[in-house]
C-alpha atoms as a PDB file:
ATOM      1  CA  MET A   1     -29.558 -19.368  67.248  1.00  0.00           C
ATOM      2  CA  PHE A   2     -30.227 -15.990  65.588  1.00  0.00           C
ATOM      3  CA  ALA A   3     -29.799 -12.879  67.708  1.00  0.00           C
ATOM      4  CA  ASP A   4     -30.147  -9.178  66.967  1.00  0.00           C
ATOM      5  CA  ALA A   5     -27.077  -7.325  68.268  1.00  0.00           C
ATOM      6  CA  ASP A   6     -29.268  -4.237  68.776  1.00  0.00           C
ATOM      7  CA  ASP A   7     -31.753  -6.163  70.951  1.00  0.00           C
ATOM      8  CA  LEU A   8     -30.614  -7.097  74.460  1.00  0.00           C
ATOM      9  CA  SER A   9     -33.455  -9.573  75.016  1.00  0.00           C
ATOM     10  CA  SER A  10     -32.588 -11.553  71.898  1.00  0.00           C
ATOM     11  CA  LEU A  11     -28.916 -11.641  72.941  1.00  0.00           C
ATOM     12  CA  LYS A  12     -29.895 -12.979  76.354  1.00  0.00           C
ATOM     13  CA  GLN A  13     -31.951 -15.687  74.692  1.00  0.00           C
ATOM     14  CA  ALA A  14     -29.058 -16.632  72.412  1.00  0.00           C
ATOM     15  CA  PHE A  15     -26.563 -16.782  75.307  1.00  0.00           C
ATOM     16  CA  SER A  16     -28.856 -18.796  77.584  1.00  0.00           C
ATOM     17  CA  GLY A  17     -27.127 -22.017  78.609  1.00  0.00           C
ATOM     18  CA  ALA A  18     -23.937 -21.209  76.702  1.00  0.00           C
ATOM     19  CA  TYR A  19     -20.515 -21.818  78.242  1.00  0.00           C
ATOM     20  CA  GLY A  20     -18.796 -19.364  75.881  1.00  0.00           C
ATOM     21  CA  ALA A  21     -19.565 -16.728  73.285  1.00  0.00           C
ATOM     22  CA  TYR A  22     -17.558 -15.184  70.469  1.00  0.00           C
ATOM     23  CA  CYS A  23     -18.697 -11.566  70.273  1.00  0.00           C
ATOM     24  CA  VAL A  24     -18.029  -9.459  67.174  1.00  0.00           C
ATOM     25  CA  THR A  25     -19.581  -6.350  65.621  1.00  0.00           C
ATOM     26  CA  ASN A  26     -19.663  -5.407  61.939  1.00  0.00           C
ATOM     27  CA  PHE A  27     -18.829  -1.751  61.370  1.00  0.00           C
ATOM     28  CA  TRP A  28     -19.137  -2.144  57.591  1.00  0.00           C
ATOM     29  CA  GLU A  29     -22.814  -3.078  57.910  1.00  0.00           C
ATOM     30  CA  HIS A  30     -23.760   0.429  59.103  1.00  0.00           C
ATOM     31  CA  GLY A  31     -20.618   2.604  59.387  1.00  0.00           C
ATOM     32  CA  SER A  32     -21.288   3.716  62.959  1.00  0.00           C
ATOM     33  CA  PRO A  33     -18.711   3.168  65.730  1.00  0.00           C
ATOM     34  CA  ASP A  34     -21.237   4.473  68.264  1.00  0.00           C
ATOM     35  CA  ARG A  35     -23.620   1.698  67.238  1.00  0.00           C
ATOM     36  CA  GLU A  36     -20.771  -0.804  67.576  1.00  0.00           C
ATOM     37  CA  CYS A  37     -20.186   0.404  71.139  1.00  0.00           C
ATOM     38  CA  ALA A  38     -23.860   0.035  71.968  1.00  0.00           C
ATOM     39  CA  GLN A  39     -23.982  -3.461  70.459  1.00  0.00           C
ATOM     40  CA  ALA A  40     -20.882  -4.520  72.384  1.00  0.00           C
ATOM     41  CA  ALA A  41     -22.330  -3.169  75.615  1.00  0.00           C
ATOM     42  CA  SER A  42     -25.485  -5.211  75.007  1.00  0.00           C
ATOM     43  CA  MET A  43     -23.403  -8.322  74.347  1.00  0.00           C
ATOM     44  CA  ALA A  44     -21.480  -7.771  77.562  1.00  0.00           C
ATOM     45  CA  GLU A  45     -24.676  -7.227  79.560  1.00  0.00           C
ATOM     46  CA  ALA A  46     -26.300 -10.324  78.057  1.00  0.00           C
ATOM     47  CA  ALA A  47     -23.222 -12.420  78.849  1.00  0.00           C
ATOM     48  CA  ARG A  48     -23.213 -11.137  82.434  1.00  0.00           C
ATOM     49  CA  CYS A  49     -26.909 -11.783  82.938  1.00  0.00           C
ATOM     50  CA  MET A  50     -26.781 -15.294  81.480  1.00  0.00           C
ATOM     51  CA  GLY A  51     -23.625 -16.344  83.306  1.00  0.00           C
ATOM     52  CA  VAL A  52     -21.452 -16.948  80.250  1.00  0.00           C
ATOM     53  CA  GLN A  53     -18.146 -18.280  81.578  1.00  0.00           C
ATOM     54  CA  HIS A  54     -15.834 -17.184  78.763  1.00  0.00           C
ATOM     55  CA  VAL A  55     -16.386 -14.425  76.202  1.00  0.00           C
ATOM     56  CA  ILE A  56     -14.021 -13.765  73.319  1.00  0.00           C
ATOM     57  CA  TRP A  57     -14.480 -10.125  72.342  1.00  0.00           C
ATOM     58  CA  SER A  58     -13.186  -9.436  68.823  1.00  0.00           C
ATOM     59  CA  THR A  59     -11.648  -6.022  69.281  1.00  0.00           C
ATOM     60  CA  LEU A  60      -9.075  -3.625  67.848  1.00  0.00           C
ATOM     61  CA  GLU A  61      -6.985  -0.735  69.122  1.00  0.00           C
ATOM     62  CA  ASP A  62      -8.594   2.570  70.038  1.00  0.00           C
ATOM     63  CA  THR A  63      -6.115   4.540  67.937  1.00  0.00           C
ATOM     64  CA  ARG A  64      -6.948   7.786  69.754  1.00  0.00           C
ATOM     65  CA  ARG A  65      -4.921   6.540  72.718  1.00  0.00           C
ATOM     66  CA  VAL A  66      -1.846   6.695  70.485  1.00  0.00           C
ATOM     67  CA  ILE A  67      -2.686   9.507  68.074  1.00  0.00           C
ATOM     68  CA  PRO A  68      -5.107  11.961  69.727  1.00  0.00           C
ATOM     69  CA  LEU A  69      -7.733  13.904  67.825  1.00  0.00           C
ATOM     70  CA  SER A  70      -5.582  17.017  68.074  1.00  0.00           C
ATOM     71  CA  ASP A  71      -2.766  15.335  66.096  1.00  0.00           C
ATOM     72  CA  ASN A  72      -2.996  16.627  62.528  1.00  0.00           C
ATOM     73  CA  ARG A  73      -0.783  13.939  61.027  1.00  0.00           C
ATOM     74  CA  MET A  74      -4.016  12.043  60.439  1.00  0.00           C
ATOM     75  CA  PRO A  75      -7.426  13.631  59.772  1.00  0.00           C
ATOM     76  CA  THR A  76     -10.256  13.146  62.251  1.00  0.00           C
ATOM     77  CA  LEU A  77     -13.227  11.247  60.796  1.00  0.00           C
ATOM     78  CA  LEU A  78     -16.913  11.309  61.776  1.00  0.00           C
ATOM     79  CA  GLY A  79     -16.115  14.159  64.149  1.00  0.00           C
ATOM     80  CA  LYS A  80     -14.391  12.176  66.895  1.00  0.00           C
ATOM     81  CA  PHE A  81     -12.441   9.226  65.509  1.00  0.00           C
ATOM     82  CA  LYS A  82      -9.136   8.577  63.786  1.00  0.00           C
ATOM     83  CA  VAL A  83      -9.874   5.038  62.549  1.00  0.00           C
ATOM     84  CA  PRO A  84     -13.594   4.618  63.262  1.00  0.00           C
ATOM     85  CA  HIS A  85     -13.850   0.853  62.784  1.00  0.00           C
ATOM     86  CA  TYR A  86     -10.923   0.414  65.195  1.00  0.00           C
ATOM     87  CA  ASP A  87     -11.760   3.106  67.737  1.00  0.00           C
ATOM     88  CA  GLY A  88     -15.328   1.986  68.368  1.00  0.00           C
ATOM     89  CA  LYS A  89     -14.269  -1.571  69.150  1.00  0.00           C
ATOM     90  CA  GLY A  90     -11.403  -0.432  71.361  1.00  0.00           C
ATOM     91  CA  GLU A  91     -13.687   1.917  73.255  1.00  0.00           C
ATOM     92  CA  ALA A  92     -16.133  -0.934  73.824  1.00  0.00           C
ATOM     93  CA  ASP A  93     -13.536  -2.996  75.706  1.00  0.00           C
ATOM     94  CA  ASP A  94     -14.524  -1.111  78.836  1.00  0.00           C
ATOM     95  CA  ALA A  95     -18.049  -2.548  78.831  1.00  0.00           C
ATOM     96  CA  PHE A  96     -16.730  -6.094  79.313  1.00  0.00           C
ATOM     97  CA  ARG A  97     -14.305  -4.983  82.048  1.00  0.00           C
ATOM     98  CA  ARG A  98     -16.820  -2.764  83.842  1.00  0.00           C
ATOM     99  CA  LEU A  99     -19.415  -5.549  84.008  1.00  0.00           C
ATOM    100  CA  GLY A 100     -16.905  -8.137  85.184  1.00  0.00           C
ATOM    101  CA  VAL A 101     -17.484 -10.436  82.222  1.00  0.00           C
ATOM    102  CA  PRO A 102     -14.779 -13.149  81.981  1.00  0.00           C
ATOM    103  CA  THR A 103     -13.264 -12.062  78.677  1.00  0.00           C
ATOM    104  CA  THR A 104     -10.376 -12.657  76.316  1.00  0.00           C
ATOM    105  CA  PHE A 105      -9.697  -9.531  74.256  1.00  0.00           C
ATOM    106  CA  PHE A 106      -8.969 -10.881  70.774  1.00  0.00           C
ATOM    107  CA  LEU A 107      -7.079  -8.577  68.399  1.00  0.00           C
ATOM    108  CA  THR A 108      -7.510  -9.615  64.776  1.00  0.00           C
ATOM    109  CA  SER A 109      -5.450  -8.599  61.739  1.00  0.00           C
ATOM    110  CA  PHE A 110      -6.009  -7.605  58.103  1.00  0.00           C
ATOM    111  CA  TYR A 111      -7.975 -10.329  56.313  1.00  0.00           C
ATOM    112  CA  TRP A 112      -6.323 -11.652  53.141  1.00  0.00           C
ATOM    113  CA  GLU A 113      -9.848 -12.054  51.774  1.00  0.00           C
ATOM    114  CA  ASN A 114      -9.994  -8.247  51.626  1.00  0.00           C
ATOM    115  CA  PHE A 115      -7.792  -8.461  48.516  1.00  0.00           C
ATOM    116  CA  ILE A 116     -10.671 -10.298  46.800  1.00  0.00           C
ATOM    117  CA  ARG A 117     -13.860  -8.932  48.308  1.00  0.00           C
ATOM    118  CA  PHE A 118     -13.345  -5.503  49.878  1.00  0.00           C
ATOM    119  CA  PRO A 119     -13.889  -2.575  47.492  1.00  0.00           C
ATOM    120  CA  GLY A 120     -10.680  -0.638  46.915  1.00  0.00           C
ATOM    121  CA  MET A 121      -8.329  -3.146  48.561  1.00  0.00           C
ATOM    122  CA  GLY A 122      -7.642  -5.385  45.557  1.00  0.00           C
ATOM    123  CA  LEU A 123      -4.819  -5.344  43.043  1.00  0.00           C
ATOM    124  CA  ARG A 124      -4.889  -2.486  40.536  1.00  0.00           C
ATOM    125  CA  LYS A 125      -3.629  -1.943  37.033  1.00  0.00           C
ATOM    126  CA  ASP A 126      -1.288   0.948  36.283  1.00  0.00           C
ATOM    127  CA  GLU A 127      -1.323   3.059  33.118  1.00  0.00           C
ATOM    128  CA  HIS A 128       0.551   0.283  31.304  1.00  0.00           C
ATOM    129  CA  GLY A 129      -1.878  -2.432  32.360  1.00  0.00           C
ATOM    130  CA  GLU A 130       0.588  -3.933  34.843  1.00  0.00           C
ATOM    131  CA  LEU A 131      -0.638  -5.240  38.193  1.00  0.00           C
ATOM    132  CA  VAL A 132       0.229  -3.262  41.311  1.00  0.00           C
ATOM    133  CA  LEU A 133      -0.414  -3.574  45.012  1.00  0.00           C
ATOM    134  CA  ALA A 134      -0.813   0.030  46.185  1.00  0.00           C
ATOM    135  CA  MET A 135      -0.868   0.898  49.892  1.00  0.00           C
ATOM    136  CA  PRO A 136       0.463   3.639  52.204  1.00  0.00           C
ATOM    137  CA  LEU A 137       2.666   1.216  54.138  1.00  0.00           C
ATOM    138  CA  GLY A 138       6.170   2.342  53.233  1.00  0.00           C
ATOM    139  CA  ASP A 139       8.523  -0.539  53.986  1.00  0.00           C
ATOM    140  CA  ARG A 140       6.713  -1.569  57.167  1.00  0.00           C
ATOM    141  CA  LYS A 141       5.198  -4.962  57.882  1.00  0.00           C
ATOM    142  CA  MET A 142       1.457  -5.580  58.058  1.00  0.00           C
ATOM    143  CA  PRO A 143       0.067  -8.363  60.270  1.00  0.00           C
ATOM    144  CA  SER A 144      -2.493 -10.291  58.236  1.00  0.00           C
ATOM    145  CA  ILE A 145      -4.385 -13.586  58.315  1.00  0.00           C
ATOM    146  CA  ALA A 146      -6.876 -15.858  56.527  1.00  0.00           C
ATOM    147  CA  VAL A 147     -10.468 -15.514  57.746  1.00  0.00           C
ATOM    148  CA  ASP A 148     -10.757 -19.262  58.377  1.00  0.00           C
ATOM    149  CA  ASP A 149      -7.780 -19.106  60.696  1.00  0.00           C
ATOM    150  CA  ILE A 150      -9.392 -16.447  62.866  1.00  0.00           C
ATOM    151  CA  GLY A 151     -12.115 -18.918  63.810  1.00  0.00           C
ATOM    152  CA  LEU A 152      -9.598 -21.679  64.474  1.00  0.00           C
ATOM    153  CA  CYS A 153      -7.481 -19.355  66.621  1.00  0.00           C
ATOM    154  CA  ALA A 154     -10.611 -18.421  68.579  1.00  0.00           C
ATOM    155  CA  LEU A 155     -11.303 -22.122  69.127  1.00  0.00           C
ATOM    156  CA  GLY A 156      -7.761 -22.416  70.464  1.00  0.00           C
ATOM    157  CA  VAL A 157      -8.471 -19.572  72.875  1.00  0.00           C
ATOM    158  CA  PHE A 158     -11.493 -21.454  74.235  1.00  0.00           C
ATOM    159  CA  ASN A 159      -9.472 -24.685  74.473  1.00  0.00           C
ATOM    160  CA  GLN A 160      -6.608 -22.974  76.331  1.00  0.00           C
ATOM    161  CA  VAL A 161      -8.811 -21.156  78.807  1.00  0.00           C
ATOM    162  CA  CYS A 162      -6.281 -21.331  81.661  1.00  0.00           C
ATOM    163  CA  THR A 163      -3.749 -19.242  79.719  1.00  0.00           C
ATOM    164  CA  THR A 164      -6.105 -17.044  77.679  1.00  0.00           C
ATOM    165  CA  LEU A 165      -8.917 -15.891  79.958  1.00  0.00           C
ATOM    166  CA  GLY A 166      -8.453 -12.246  80.917  1.00  0.00           C
ATOM    167  CA  GLN A 167      -5.649 -11.772  78.417  1.00  0.00           C
ATOM    168  CA  THR A 168      -5.318  -9.606  75.315  1.00  0.00           C
ATOM    169  CA  ILE A 169      -4.249 -11.895  72.470  1.00  0.00           C
ATOM    170  CA  GLY A 170      -3.478 -10.772  68.930  1.00  0.00           C
ATOM    171  CA  VAL A 171      -3.453 -13.157  65.984  1.00  0.00           C
ATOM    172  CA  ALA A 172      -1.742 -13.074  62.600  1.00  0.00           C
ATOM    173  CA  GLY A 173      -0.761 -15.566  59.932  1.00  0.00           C
ATOM    174  CA  ALA A 174       2.200 -13.463  58.812  1.00  0.00           C
ATOM    175  CA  HIS A 175       3.866 -10.068  59.147  1.00  0.00           C
ATOM    176  CA  LEU A 176       4.592  -8.990  55.570  1.00  0.00           C
ATOM    177  CA  THR A 177       5.794  -5.850  53.824  1.00  0.00           C
ATOM    178  CA  GLY A 178       4.034  -4.638  50.703  1.00  0.00           C
ATOM    179  CA  ALA A 179       7.008  -5.802  48.646  1.00  0.00           C
ATOM    180  CA  GLU A 180       6.841  -9.285  50.202  1.00  0.00           C
ATOM    181  CA  MET A 181       3.127  -9.551  49.456  1.00  0.00           C
ATOM    182  CA  ALA A 182       3.697  -8.401  45.872  1.00  0.00           C
ATOM    183  CA  ALA A 183       6.408 -11.062  45.456  1.00  0.00           C
ATOM    184  CA  ALA A 184       3.992 -13.731  46.713  1.00  0.00           C
ATOM    185  CA  PHE A 185       1.338 -12.516  44.267  1.00  0.00           C
ATOM    186  CA  THR A 186       3.892 -12.628  41.454  1.00  0.00           C
ATOM    187  CA  LYS A 187       4.778 -16.231  42.245  1.00  0.00           C
ATOM    188  CA  ALA A 188       1.145 -17.324  42.630  1.00  0.00           C
ATOM    189  CA  PHE A 189      -0.112 -15.676  39.422  1.00  0.00           C
ATOM    190  CA  GLY A 190       2.922 -16.218  37.222  1.00  0.00           C
ATOM    191  CA  ARG A 191       2.950 -12.544  36.263  1.00  0.00           C
ATOM    192  CA  GLU A 192       4.633  -9.579  37.871  1.00  0.00           C
ATOM    193  CA  VAL A 193       2.886  -7.663  40.623  1.00  0.00           C
ATOM    194  CA  ARG A 194       4.668  -4.521  41.856  1.00  0.00           C
ATOM    195  CA  TYR A 195       4.265  -2.909  45.233  1.00  0.00           C
ATOM    196  CA  VAL A 196       3.656   0.846  45.030  1.00  0.00           C
ATOM    197  CA  ASP A 197       3.918   2.930  48.178  1.00  0.00           C
ATOM    198  CA  VAL A 198       1.228   5.629  48.188  1.00  0.00           C
ATOM    199  CA  ALA A 199       1.154   8.678  50.443  1.00  0.00           C
ATOM    200  CA  PRO A 200      -1.817   8.513  52.860  1.00  0.00           C
ATOM    201  CA  GLU A 201      -3.071  11.928  51.736  1.00  0.00           C
ATOM    202  CA  VAL A 202      -3.229  10.607  48.163  1.00  0.00           C
ATOM    203  CA  TYR A 203      -4.761   7.230  49.056  1.00  0.00           C
ATOM    204  CA  ARG A 204      -7.620   8.841  50.969  1.00  0.00           C
ATOM    205  CA  THR A 205      -8.712  10.732  47.827  1.00  0.00           C
ATOM    206  CA  TRP A 206      -9.172   7.587  45.724  1.00  0.00           C
ATOM    207  CA  ASP A 207     -12.565   6.782  44.300  1.00  0.00           C
ATOM    208  CA  PHE A 208     -14.045   4.215  46.675  1.00  0.00           C
ATOM    209  CA  PRO A 209     -16.257   5.078  49.663  1.00  0.00           C
ATOM    210  CA  SER A 210     -14.020   3.817  52.471  1.00  0.00           C
ATOM    211  CA  ALA A 211     -10.764   5.377  51.178  1.00  0.00           C
ATOM    212  CA  PRO A 212     -10.345   7.923  54.052  1.00  0.00           C
ATOM    213  CA  GLU A 213     -11.041   5.246  56.669  1.00  0.00           C
ATOM    214  CA  LEU A 214      -8.664   2.710  55.125  1.00  0.00           C
ATOM    215  CA  SER A 215      -5.987   5.330  54.533  1.00  0.00           C
ATOM    216  CA  ASN A 216      -6.010   6.204  58.234  1.00  0.00           C
ATOM    217  CA  MET A 217      -5.973   2.513  59.156  1.00  0.00           C
ATOM    218  CA  LEU A 218      -2.944   1.762  56.991  1.00  0.00           C
ATOM    219  CA  GLN A 219      -1.165   4.924  58.112  1.00  0.00           C
ATOM    220  CA  PHE A 220      -1.685   3.887  61.734  1.00  0.00           C
ATOM    221  CA  LYS A 221      -0.121   0.498  61.002  1.00  0.00           C
ATOM    222  CA  ARG A 222       2.780   2.190  59.230  1.00  0.00           C
ATOM    223  CA  ASP A 223       3.478   4.954  61.738  1.00  0.00           C
ATOM    224  CA  PHE A 224       3.096   2.751  64.836  1.00  0.00           C
ATOM    225  CA  ASN A 225       4.368  -0.455  63.293  1.00  0.00           C
ATOM    226  CA  GLU A 226       6.365  -1.813  66.202  1.00  0.00           C
ATOM    227  CA  LEU A 227       3.425  -1.339  68.556  1.00  0.00           C
ATOM    228  CA  PHE A 228       0.916  -2.839  66.120  1.00  0.00           C
ATOM    229  CA  CYS A 229       3.015  -5.873  65.173  1.00  0.00           C
ATOM    230  CA  GLY A 230       4.192  -6.461  68.728  1.00  0.00           C
ATOM    231  CA  VAL A 231       0.762  -7.519  69.992  1.00  0.00           C
ATOM    232  CA  ARG A 232       0.075  -9.890  67.073  1.00  0.00           C
ATOM    233  CA  SER A 233       2.351 -12.900  67.361  1.00  0.00           C
ATOM    234  CA  VAL A 234       2.459 -15.427  64.527  1.00  0.00           C
ATOM    235  CA  GLU A 235       4.066 -17.948  66.887  1.00  0.00           C
ATOM    236  CA  ARG A 236       1.295 -17.572  69.495  1.00  0.00           C
ATOM    237  CA  SER A 237      -1.294 -17.823  66.740  1.00  0.00           C
ATOM    238  CA  ARG A 238       0.225 -21.125  65.585  1.00  0.00           C
ATOM    239  CA  GLN A 239       0.086 -22.446  69.141  1.00  0.00           C
ATOM    240  CA  LEU A 240      -3.628 -21.673  69.161  1.00  0.00           C
ATOM    241  CA  ASN A 241      -4.121 -23.017  65.625  1.00  0.00           C
ATOM    242  CA  PRO A 242      -1.468 -25.510  64.445  1.00  0.00           C
ATOM    243  CA  SER A 243      -2.930 -25.468  60.900  1.00  0.00           C
ATOM    244  CA  LEU A 244      -2.308 -21.703  60.548  1.00  0.00           C
ATOM    245  CA  GLN A 245      -1.862 -20.829  56.854  1.00  0.00           C
ATOM    246  CA  THR A 246       0.970 -18.828  55.362  1.00  0.00           C
ATOM    247  CA  PHE A 247       0.135 -16.163  52.788  1.00  0.00           C
ATOM    248  CA  GLU A 248       1.568 -18.393  50.058  1.00  0.00           C
ATOM    249  CA  GLU A 249      -0.644 -21.310  51.155  1.00  0.00           C
ATOM    250  CA  TRP A 250      -3.705 -19.071  51.244  1.00  0.00           C
ATOM    251  CA  LEU A 251      -2.922 -17.720  47.768  1.00  0.00           C
ATOM    252  CA  SER A 252      -2.585 -21.210  46.316  1.00  0.00           C
ATOM    253  CA  ARG A 253      -6.111 -21.986  47.554  1.00  0.00           C
ATOM    254  CA  HIS A 254      -7.723 -18.712  46.443  1.00  0.00           C
ATOM    255  CA  ARG A 255      -5.862 -17.478  43.353  1.00  0.00           C
ATOM    256  CA  GLY A 256      -8.767 -18.560  41.127  1.00  0.00           C
ATOM    257  CA  GLU A 257     -11.027 -16.044  42.899  1.00  0.00           C
ATOM    258  CA  PHE A 258      -9.011 -13.041  41.769  1.00  0.00           C
ATOM    259  CA  ARG A 259     -10.161 -11.100  38.713  1.00  0.00           C
ATOM    260  CA  LEU A 260      -6.977  -9.928  37.038  1.00  0.00           C
END
């Protein structure tokens, strides 16, 4: 059933009679973390009113709890956020707790599909025409996953309600360094792909609209890597979804979608 995330009455109608609900907001549709918070609050209120027994809230870290606005290592964006599409979701967690909604807080990871479909995140060509994967990650690992597997992991959360309800669960298909991802690309494409580490202050000046946002996101993953990886277990994800794909398996299925 269609529902408008900005319309509480339509959310109530959609949740009527439902045992569970997977709740997610799309920052990239409008670019407003405040609107995400409002949408999440409406979802939580609708779930409470309609007696939904298990909500999975697709959330992310509020990075300001780790790197406050006063910390100049990372610029503040939109006046009051460090990583807006993370911070808004993390801030919205409170709505589900405050209203007593039975919730699993579901931390997702970088989608491998971003390499194909998200502007600025794909492979690039250097001045010699060679393929490079350029990110401000240093030598740190980035939790990442196939989009299809997020849905299957969420299904596992619903199926394992006794051990997931009320928990914060992070999912990932792999924890990979930039160099490891570049090596997998090289093998899949049969041509060399190099990883190039880029300083965050350089990356955020690149010519695509979300560069500052993504630079802060990747810097957060780099600078707080142990914290970020620690809450996204590949092993737990495979328990939820036994068919969890590796990066190499995902590449073998999708390499024809890349424009090289």
